[in-house]
Amino acid sequence: MKPRVYVTCNTFFDIIEALAEAFDLRVCGSPGPVPRHVFLEEARMAQGIFTLLTDRVDGEILDASPGLRVVANMAVGYDNIDVAECTRRGISSPTPGVLTETTADLAFAPSLASARRLGEAERFPRSGRWTHGTRHFSWAGMLGGSVEGI
């Protein structure tokens, strides 16, 4: 028998399909945040819960879920999950630092875009000012600067 996992959102269908192969999957069918009474009822039989940042996993949910072993959260933060209480009960929950590199990439992207003038370069051909084959091409036009060594 497969462990039951409750997914609080019906999104990312490729992930849902992959999870359905390994687990007895229950997926919330309503749009928006899962109603609390539905969450409580589904959590009762779940060994795993896959939440969004809008889903509060607190003592009430944990009390209703005696077989719960893991809480996975599709979010950068985990303020919606009582991590201390999960830990006390032996339930695996979000691990800080799992998106450190991703966050750094996203923080660095505006610096790179600004230095290399990516926004301006993307808009220039659409503006009608660029014409293919012109003899007035300038190599310095959209070069921007390097971020190496900054």
N, C-alpha and C. Protein backbone atom coordinates (compact mmCIF):
# COMPACT_ATOMS: atom_id res chain seq x y z
N MET A 1 0.83 -1.18 0.00
CA MET A 1 0.00 0.00 0.00
C MET A 1 0.89 1.25 0.00
N LYS A 2 0.56 2.21 -0.86
CA LYS A 2 1.33 3.44 -0.98
C LYS A 2 0.97 4.41 0.15
N PRO A 3 1.96 5.17 0.63
CA PRO A 3 1.65 6.20 1.62
C PRO A 3 0.75 7.27 1.02
N ARG A 4 -0.17 7.80 1.81
CA ARG A 4 -1.07 8.84 1.32
C ARG A 4 -0.42 10.20 1.49
N VAL A 5 -0.48 10.99 0.43
CA VAL A 5 0.02 12.36 0.44
C VAL A 5 -1.11 13.28 0.01
N TYR A 6 -1.32 14.33 0.79
CA TYR A 6 -2.32 15.33 0.44
C TYR A 6 -1.62 16.56 -0.13
N VAL A 7 -2.04 16.96 -1.33
CA VAL A 7 -1.50 18.14 -2.02
C VAL A 7 -2.57 19.22 -1.96
N THR A 8 -2.22 20.35 -1.40
CA THR A 8 -3.22 21.40 -1.15
C THR A 8 -3.54 22.26 -2.36
N CYS A 9 -2.88 22.00 -3.49
CA CYS A 9 -3.16 22.79 -4.69
C CYS A 9 -3.12 21.89 -5.92
N ASN A 10 -3.97 22.19 -6.87
CA ASN A 10 -4.01 21.42 -8.10
C ASN A 10 -3.29 22.21 -9.18
N THR A 11 -1.97 22.16 -9.12
CA THR A 11 -1.13 22.91 -10.04
C THR A 11 0.12 22.10 -10.36
N PHE A 12 0.93 22.56 -11.27
CA PHE A 12 2.14 21.86 -11.67
C PHE A 12 1.84 20.40 -11.95
N PHE A 13 1.09 20.20 -13.00
CA PHE A 13 0.56 18.87 -13.32
C PHE A 13 1.63 17.81 -13.50
N ASP A 14 2.81 18.19 -14.00
CA ASP A 14 3.89 17.20 -14.15
C ASP A 14 4.35 16.69 -12.78
N ILE A 15 4.37 17.57 -11.79
CA ILE A 15 4.73 17.15 -10.44
C ILE A 15 3.65 16.25 -9.85
N ILE A 16 2.40 16.63 -10.07
CA ILE A 16 1.28 15.82 -9.57
C ILE A 16 1.33 14.42 -10.18
N GLU A 17 1.58 14.34 -11.47
CA GLU A 17 1.67 13.03 -12.14
C GLU A 17 2.80 12.19 -11.57
N ALA A 18 3.95 12.81 -11.33
CA ALA A 18 5.09 12.08 -10.78
C ALA A 18 4.79 11.59 -9.36
N LEU A 19 4.18 12.44 -8.56
CA LEU A 19 3.84 12.05 -7.19
C LEU A 19 2.81 10.91 -7.19
N ALA A 20 1.88 10.95 -8.13
CA ALA A 20 0.82 9.94 -8.19
C ALA A 20 1.37 8.55 -8.47
N GLU A 21 2.53 8.46 -9.09
CA GLU A 21 3.14 7.16 -9.35
C GLU A 21 3.66 6.52 -8.06
N ALA A 22 4.10 7.33 -7.13
CA ALA A 22 4.74 6.81 -5.92
C ALA A 22 3.83 6.82 -4.69
N PHE A 23 2.76 7.63 -4.73
CA PHE A 23 1.94 7.80 -3.53
C PHE A 23 0.46 7.66 -3.85
N ASP A 24 -0.31 7.36 -2.81
CA ASP A 24 -1.77 7.45 -2.87
C ASP A 24 -2.06 8.94 -2.72
N LEU A 25 -2.25 9.60 -3.83
CA LEU A 25 -2.31 11.06 -3.86
C LEU A 25 -3.74 11.56 -3.76
N ARG A 26 -3.93 12.54 -2.90
CA ARG A 26 -5.19 13.27 -2.78
C ARG A 26 -4.85 14.72 -3.08
N VAL A 27 -5.60 15.34 -3.99
CA VAL A 27 -5.30 16.70 -4.42
C VAL A 27 -6.53 17.57 -4.22
N CYS A 28 -6.32 18.73 -3.61
CA CYS A 28 -7.42 19.68 -3.41
C CYS A 28 -7.91 20.14 -4.78
N GLY A 29 -9.19 20.06 -5.01
CA GLY A 29 -9.74 20.44 -6.30
C GLY A 29 -10.25 21.86 -6.37
N SER A 30 -10.30 22.56 -5.24
CA SER A 30 -10.86 23.91 -5.26
C SER A 30 -9.79 24.93 -5.62
N PRO A 31 -10.19 25.98 -6.32
CA PRO A 31 -9.23 27.05 -6.63
C PRO A 31 -8.96 27.86 -5.36
N GLY A 32 -7.81 28.47 -5.29
CA GLY A 32 -7.48 29.27 -4.12
C GLY A 32 -7.03 28.42 -2.96
N PRO A 33 -6.83 29.06 -1.81
CA PRO A 33 -6.39 28.32 -0.63
C PRO A 33 -7.39 27.23 -0.24
N VAL A 34 -6.87 26.11 0.23
CA VAL A 34 -7.73 25.00 0.64
C VAL A 34 -8.53 25.43 1.87
N PRO A 35 -9.84 25.18 1.86
CA PRO A 35 -10.63 25.50 3.06
C PRO A 35 -10.10 24.72 4.27
N ARG A 36 -10.04 25.35 5.42
CA ARG A 36 -9.44 24.75 6.61
C ARG A 36 -10.11 23.41 6.97
N HIS A 37 -11.43 23.34 6.90
CA HIS A 37 -12.11 22.09 7.26
C HIS A 37 -11.73 20.95 6.31
N VAL A 38 -11.49 21.27 5.05
CA VAL A 38 -11.05 20.25 4.08
C VAL A 38 -9.62 19.83 4.41
N PHE A 39 -8.76 20.80 4.70
CA PHE A 39 -7.38 20.52 5.05
C PHE A 39 -7.32 19.59 6.27
N LEU A 40 -8.08 19.91 7.29
CA LEU A 40 -8.11 19.07 8.50
C LEU A 40 -8.56 17.65 8.19
N GLU A 41 -9.60 17.52 7.39
CA GLU A 41 -10.14 16.19 7.07
C GLU A 41 -9.13 15.37 6.26
N GLU A 42 -8.52 15.98 5.26
CA GLU A 42 -7.55 15.26 4.43
C GLU A 42 -6.28 14.92 5.21
N ALA A 43 -5.88 15.80 6.12
CA ALA A 43 -4.66 15.58 6.89
C ALA A 43 -4.79 14.37 7.82
N ARG A 44 -5.99 14.05 8.22
CA ARG A 44 -6.21 12.94 9.17
C ARG A 44 -5.63 11.61 8.67
N MET A 45 -5.67 11.37 7.39
CA MET A 45 -5.22 10.08 6.84
C MET A 45 -3.87 10.18 6.12
N ALA A 46 -3.27 11.36 6.13
CA ALA A 46 -2.05 11.59 5.34
C ALA A 46 -0.78 11.24 6.09
N GLN A 47 0.17 10.67 5.35
CA GLN A 47 1.52 10.49 5.87
C GLN A 47 2.41 11.64 5.39
N GLY A 48 1.96 12.34 4.36
CA GLY A 48 2.68 13.49 3.84
C GLY A 48 1.71 14.57 3.40
N ILE A 49 2.14 15.81 3.53
CA ILE A 49 1.35 16.96 3.07
C ILE A 49 2.27 17.84 2.24
N PHE A 50 1.78 18.24 1.07
CA PHE A 50 2.51 19.13 0.17
C PHE A 50 1.72 20.43 0.13
N THR A 51 2.25 21.50 0.72
CA THR A 51 1.51 22.73 0.93
C THR A 51 1.99 23.89 0.07
N LEU A 52 1.17 24.91 0.04
CA LEU A 52 1.54 26.23 -0.48
C LEU A 52 1.78 27.15 0.71
N LEU A 53 2.35 28.31 0.46
CA LEU A 53 2.60 29.25 1.55
C LEU A 53 1.32 29.77 2.20
N THR A 54 0.18 29.58 1.55
CA THR A 54 -1.11 30.02 2.11
C THR A 54 -1.72 29.00 3.06
N ASP A 55 -1.13 27.81 3.16
CA ASP A 55 -1.67 26.74 3.99
C ASP A 55 -0.93 26.69 5.33
N ARG A 56 -1.64 26.94 6.40
CA ARG A 56 -1.04 26.97 7.74
C ARG A 56 -0.99 25.55 8.32
N VAL A 57 0.23 25.09 8.60
CA VAL A 57 0.43 23.80 9.25
C VAL A 57 0.84 24.10 10.69
N ASP A 58 -0.13 23.97 11.58
CA ASP A 58 0.08 24.32 12.99
C ASP A 58 -0.32 23.14 13.87
N GLY A 59 -0.39 23.38 15.17
CA GLY A 59 -0.74 22.33 16.11
C GLY A 59 -2.06 21.66 15.80
N GLU A 60 -3.05 22.40 15.34
CA GLU A 60 -4.35 21.83 15.02
C GLU A 60 -4.24 20.79 13.90
N ILE A 61 -3.53 21.15 12.84
CA ILE A 61 -3.32 20.21 11.73
C ILE A 61 -2.49 19.02 12.20
N LEU A 62 -1.43 19.28 12.95
CA LEU A 62 -0.56 18.20 13.41
C LEU A 62 -1.30 17.27 14.38
N ASP A 63 -2.15 17.81 15.23
CA ASP A 63 -2.95 16.98 16.14
C ASP A 63 -3.91 16.09 15.36
N ALA A 64 -4.41 16.60 14.24
CA ALA A 64 -5.37 15.85 13.43
C ALA A 64 -4.70 14.80 12.54
N SER A 65 -3.36 14.78 12.52
CA SER A 65 -2.61 13.94 11.58
C SER A 65 -1.67 12.99 12.30
N PRO A 66 -2.18 11.97 12.97
CA PRO A 66 -1.31 11.09 13.77
C PRO A 66 -0.29 10.31 12.94
N GLY A 67 -0.56 10.09 11.67
CA GLY A 67 0.37 9.33 10.83
C GLY A 67 1.30 10.19 10.00
N LEU A 68 1.25 11.50 10.18
CA LEU A 68 2.04 12.41 9.36
C LEU A 68 3.54 12.22 9.60
N ARG A 69 4.30 12.13 8.51
CA ARG A 69 5.75 11.93 8.59
C ARG A 69 6.54 13.05 7.92
N VAL A 70 5.91 13.75 6.96
CA VAL A 70 6.63 14.81 6.24
C VAL A 70 5.67 15.90 5.81
N VAL A 71 6.16 17.14 5.89
CA VAL A 71 5.46 18.30 5.37
C VAL A 71 6.39 18.95 4.36
N ALA A 72 5.97 19.01 3.11
CA ALA A 72 6.75 19.67 2.06
C ALA A 72 6.04 20.98 1.72
N ASN A 73 6.78 22.00 1.45
CA ASN A 73 6.22 23.33 1.24
C ASN A 73 6.72 23.91 -0.08
N MET A 74 5.81 24.29 -0.96
CA MET A 74 6.20 24.89 -2.23
C MET A 74 6.25 26.41 -2.03
N ALA A 75 7.35 26.85 -1.45
CA ALA A 75 7.55 28.27 -1.16
C ALA A 75 9.00 28.49 -0.79
N VAL A 76 9.44 29.71 -0.86
CA VAL A 76 10.79 30.04 -0.43
C VAL A 76 10.84 30.04 1.09
N GLY A 77 9.84 30.63 1.72
CA GLY A 77 9.81 30.68 3.17
C GLY A 77 9.05 29.51 3.75
N TYR A 78 8.96 29.49 5.07
CA TYR A 78 8.21 28.43 5.74
C TYR A 78 7.54 28.98 6.99
N ASP A 79 7.17 30.26 6.95
CA ASP A 79 6.48 30.88 8.08
C ASP A 79 5.11 30.25 8.31
N ASN A 80 4.59 29.59 7.32
CA ASN A 80 3.27 28.96 7.44
C ASN A 80 3.33 27.60 8.14
N ILE A 81 4.51 27.14 8.47
CA ILE A 81 4.67 25.82 9.10
C ILE A 81 5.33 25.98 10.47
N ASP A 82 4.75 25.36 11.46
CA ASP A 82 5.33 25.35 12.80
C ASP A 82 6.45 24.29 12.79
N VAL A 83 7.63 24.74 12.36
CA VAL A 83 8.77 23.83 12.20
C VAL A 83 9.18 23.24 13.54
N ALA A 84 9.17 24.04 14.59
CA ALA A 84 9.57 23.55 15.91
C ALA A 84 8.64 22.42 16.36
N GLU A 85 7.36 22.59 16.15
CA GLU A 85 6.40 21.55 16.55
C GLU A 85 6.54 20.31 15.68
N CYS A 86 6.78 20.49 14.39
CA CYS A 86 7.03 19.34 13.51
C CYS A 86 8.25 18.57 14.00
N THR A 87 9.32 19.30 14.30
CA THR A 87 10.55 18.68 14.78
C THR A 87 10.31 17.91 16.07
N ARG A 88 9.59 18.52 16.99
CA ARG A 88 9.29 17.88 18.28
C ARG A 88 8.54 16.56 18.08
N ARG A 89 7.70 16.51 17.05
CA ARG A 89 6.89 15.32 16.78
C ARG A 89 7.58 14.33 15.84
N GLY A 90 8.79 14.66 15.39
CA GLY A 90 9.51 13.76 14.49
C GLY A 90 9.02 13.82 13.06
N ILE A 91 8.41 14.92 12.69
CA ILE A 91 7.89 15.11 11.32
C ILE A 91 8.91 15.94 10.54
N SER A 92 9.37 15.42 9.42
CA SER A 92 10.29 16.17 8.57
C SER A 92 9.55 17.36 7.98
N SER A 93 10.22 18.49 7.96
CA SER A 93 9.61 19.72 7.43
C SER A 93 10.66 20.52 6.71
N PRO A 94 10.31 21.71 6.20
CA PRO A 94 11.24 22.48 5.37
C PRO A 94 12.62 22.65 5.98
N THR A 95 13.60 22.61 5.12
CA THR A 95 14.98 22.77 5.53
C THR A 95 15.48 24.14 5.09
N PRO A 96 15.84 25.00 6.04
CA PRO A 96 16.38 26.32 5.65
C PRO A 96 17.61 26.16 4.76
N GLY A 97 17.74 27.05 3.80
CA GLY A 97 18.91 27.05 2.93
C GLY A 97 18.75 26.27 1.64
N VAL A 98 17.61 25.61 1.41
CA VAL A 98 17.48 24.80 0.20
C VAL A 98 17.40 25.65 -1.06
N LEU A 99 17.07 26.93 -0.94
CA LEU A 99 16.99 27.79 -2.12
C LEU A 99 18.04 28.90 -2.09
N THR A 100 19.11 28.69 -1.37
CA THR A 100 20.14 29.72 -1.24
C THR A 100 20.73 30.10 -2.59
N GLU A 101 21.14 29.12 -3.38
CA GLU A 101 21.75 29.40 -4.69
C GLU A 101 20.74 30.03 -5.64
N THR A 102 19.51 29.54 -5.63
CA THR A 102 18.46 30.08 -6.50
C THR A 102 18.19 31.55 -6.15
N THR A 103 18.11 31.85 -4.86
CA THR A 103 17.88 33.22 -4.43
C THR A 103 19.03 34.11 -4.84
N ALA A 104 20.25 33.61 -4.71
CA ALA A 104 21.42 34.38 -5.13
C ALA A 104 21.38 34.66 -6.63
N ASP A 105 21.00 33.66 -7.43
CA ASP A 105 20.87 33.85 -8.87
C ASP A 105 19.88 34.97 -9.18
N LEU A 106 18.73 34.92 -8.52
CA LEU A 106 17.69 35.92 -8.78
C LEU A 106 18.11 37.31 -8.29
N ALA A 107 18.88 37.37 -7.23
CA ALA A 107 19.38 38.65 -6.74
C ALA A 107 20.44 39.23 -7.68
N PHE A 108 21.22 38.35 -8.29
CA PHE A 108 22.29 38.78 -9.18
C PHE A 108 21.77 39.21 -10.56
N ALA A 109 20.65 38.64 -10.98
CA ALA A 109 20.12 38.88 -12.32
C ALA A 109 19.93 40.37 -12.64
N PRO A 110 19.33 41.18 -11.76
CA PRO A 110 19.17 42.61 -12.10
C PRO A 110 20.51 43.33 -12.27
N SER A 111 21.52 42.94 -11.49
CA SER A 111 22.84 43.57 -11.65
C SER A 111 23.42 43.26 -13.01
N LEU A 112 23.33 42.01 -13.42
CA LEU A 112 23.84 41.61 -14.72
C LEU A 112 23.05 42.29 -15.84
N ALA A 113 21.74 42.32 -15.71
CA ALA A 113 20.90 42.95 -16.74
C ALA A 113 21.22 44.43 -16.86
N SER A 114 21.46 45.08 -15.74
CA SER A 114 21.77 46.51 -15.77
C SER A 114 23.14 46.76 -16.38
N ALA A 115 24.14 46.01 -15.95
CA ALA A 115 25.49 46.21 -16.47
C ALA A 115 25.56 45.94 -17.97
N ARG A 116 24.86 44.94 -18.43
CA ARG A 116 24.90 44.56 -19.84
C ARG A 116 23.80 45.21 -20.67
N ARG A 117 23.02 46.10 -20.06
CA ARG A 117 21.98 46.87 -20.74
C ARG A 117 20.96 45.98 -21.44
N LEU A 118 20.61 44.87 -20.80
CA LEU A 118 19.72 43.89 -21.44
C LEU A 118 18.33 44.44 -21.71
N GLY A 119 17.76 45.18 -20.78
CA GLY A 119 16.44 45.75 -21.00
C GLY A 119 16.42 46.69 -22.19
N GLU A 120 17.40 47.58 -22.23
CA GLU A 120 17.51 48.54 -23.33
C GLU A 120 17.76 47.81 -24.66
N ALA A 121 18.63 46.81 -24.64
CA ALA A 121 18.93 46.06 -25.86
C ALA A 121 17.72 45.28 -26.35
N GLU A 122 16.91 44.78 -25.43
CA GLU A 122 15.70 44.04 -25.82
C GLU A 122 14.66 44.98 -26.43
N ARG A 123 14.56 46.20 -25.92
CA ARG A 123 13.56 47.15 -26.42
C ARG A 123 13.97 47.81 -27.73
N PHE A 124 15.27 47.96 -27.97
CA PHE A 124 15.77 48.70 -29.12
C PHE A 124 15.24 48.19 -30.46
N PRO A 125 15.32 46.91 -30.79
CA PRO A 125 14.80 46.45 -32.09
C PRO A 125 13.29 46.68 -32.23
N ARG A 126 12.57 46.61 -31.15
CA ARG A 126 11.11 46.82 -31.22
C ARG A 126 10.74 48.28 -31.44
N SER A 127 11.65 49.17 -31.10
CA SER A 127 11.35 50.60 -31.17
C SER A 127 11.28 51.12 -32.61
N GLY A 128 11.82 50.33 -33.55
CA GLY A 128 11.84 50.78 -34.94
C GLY A 128 13.09 51.57 -35.28
N ARG A 129 13.96 51.82 -34.32
CA ARG A 129 15.19 52.58 -34.57
C ARG A 129 16.30 51.71 -35.17
N TRP A 130 16.15 50.40 -35.06
CA TRP A 130 17.16 49.49 -35.61
C TRP A 130 16.69 48.99 -36.95
N THR A 131 17.55 49.07 -37.95
CA THR A 131 17.21 48.53 -39.26
C THR A 131 18.30 47.56 -39.67
N HIS A 132 17.87 46.43 -40.21
CA HIS A 132 18.80 45.39 -40.63
C HIS A 132 19.64 45.89 -41.81
N GLY A 133 20.94 45.66 -41.70
CA GLY A 133 21.82 45.97 -42.82
C GLY A 133 22.27 47.41 -42.89
N THR A 134 22.00 48.19 -41.87
CA THR A 134 22.42 49.58 -41.93
C THR A 134 23.94 49.70 -41.91
N ARG A 135 24.46 50.73 -42.58
CA ARG A 135 25.91 50.96 -42.61
C ARG A 135 26.37 51.73 -41.38
N HIS A 136 25.44 52.11 -40.53
CA HIS A 136 25.77 52.93 -39.38
C HIS A 136 25.79 52.11 -38.10
N PHE A 137 26.15 50.86 -38.22
CA PHE A 137 26.22 50.00 -37.04
C PHE A 137 27.35 50.45 -36.13
N SER A 138 27.13 50.42 -34.83
CA SER A 138 28.16 50.80 -33.87
C SER A 138 28.40 49.63 -32.92
N TRP A 139 29.63 49.18 -32.85
CA TRP A 139 29.97 48.09 -31.94
C TRP A 139 29.72 48.49 -30.50
N ALA A 140 29.87 49.73 -30.18
CA ALA A 140 29.70 50.19 -28.80
C ALA A 140 28.24 50.37 -28.43
N GLY A 141 27.35 50.19 -29.38
CA GLY A 141 25.93 50.48 -29.16
C GLY A 141 25.30 49.84 -27.94
N MET A 142 25.43 48.56 -27.77
CA MET A 142 24.76 47.87 -26.67
C MET A 142 25.69 46.96 -25.88
N LEU A 143 26.96 47.28 -25.84
CA LEU A 143 27.90 46.39 -25.17
C LEU A 143 27.73 46.35 -23.66
N GLY A 144 27.49 47.48 -23.04
CA GLY A 144 27.41 47.50 -21.59
C GLY A 144 28.75 47.22 -20.97
N GLY A 145 28.76 46.95 -19.67
CA GLY A 145 30.01 46.70 -18.98
C GLY A 145 30.03 45.31 -18.36
N SER A 146 31.19 44.94 -17.93
CA SER A 146 31.38 43.63 -17.31
C SER A 146 31.08 43.69 -15.83
N VAL A 147 30.61 42.60 -15.28
CA VAL A 147 30.41 42.52 -13.83
C VAL A 147 31.53 41.70 -13.18
N GLU A 148 32.45 41.22 -13.98
CA GLU A 148 33.56 40.44 -13.46
C GLU A 148 34.39 41.29 -12.51
N GLY A 149 34.70 40.74 -11.36
CA GLY A 149 35.54 41.41 -10.40
C GLY A 149 34.83 42.41 -9.51
N ILE A 150 33.55 42.57 -9.70
CA ILE A 150 32.80 43.51 -8.86
C ILE A 150 32.60 42.94 -7.49
